[in-house]
């Protein structure tokens, strides 16, 4: 999801196209939860929805896996980390959270990932971070307190919030893993290949966990309801697989190659805004004024945390937050 810091600077060429691709990616990613929640409410288990999403996308991306067939031999740890954490872990926790709390709240909690990454860097790796980055962490935490309305004793399902936090932690785990190979430079693996194999690994893991043979397949032949409107279940599944996963990942990769980290970071934050607005319009999930203000503060804190340079003399750049697919795209070579 959100965009990490990239060491390379981009020229002005292709920025208009890059901005359009980034907006398309944010729209596609932002619509995943809105399409998934009606399927869950129609009777599908959240893990089964995740399995359908990941397995379907893995099949679509299979030609890219064949193209980069040497990748598993060269970077097995990276592929395993992407598949287990950025694909299976993040999606399973996020979709499970959707079954208990509003879409916008779940995604905003997930946006704690940049702050959590900086906490890992400072407390575990003992590396310095800038004051601006620390301010971003404080803002994100304070904004989250408003989103979950801590003054009312947590107005949302506590386990649902814990699942959303689990999604954020899975993203942190992936960033820590991928940061170990950031020095690869031009030898870095192609991000599209990593995404393709990550989806395959995630599909295999989720097959064992979700046990799709126990799924009620008849739900997909029926309809689901979006705030009173009947929608074919298979149409929602097609959106989740083709648009919210395949198109979202590919456009995210292509856009980051054409944008500066600052511009990409701002556009990435629109994902949470888009998801919240879509959930409001299509699902009738209204947030209160304090929650909207808190959400804006979370996004501001996440952006400051992920866009702040490391403290002087820190050596390596501080890993920063959001979607693992964009982390890879900032490091990968041209397809």
Foldseek 3Di string as FASTA:
>chain_A
DFFFAFPDFFDQPCLVVLLVLLLLLLLLQLCQLLLLLLLVVLPWPLLLLLLLQLVLQLVVLVVLLVVPVCVCVVCVPLLLLLQVQQRQFLSSLLSNLVNWDPNLLLVLLLLLLQLVLVVCCCPPVVFFFDPLLVVLNVLLVVLNCLQQVVVVVGPTDPVSSVSSNRSSVSQSSSLVVVVVCLVCFANAAALSNSLSSSSVSNSVVSCVVVVNVPTPCVSQQAWGAFQRDTDRSVVSSCSSRVRNRNSSLVSLLVSLNNDHSLSSNVSNLCSSVSNQVCCCVGRVDDGDPSSVVSSVSSSVSLSSNRPGFGDPPRPDTRIGDDRPSNVSSSRYDDD
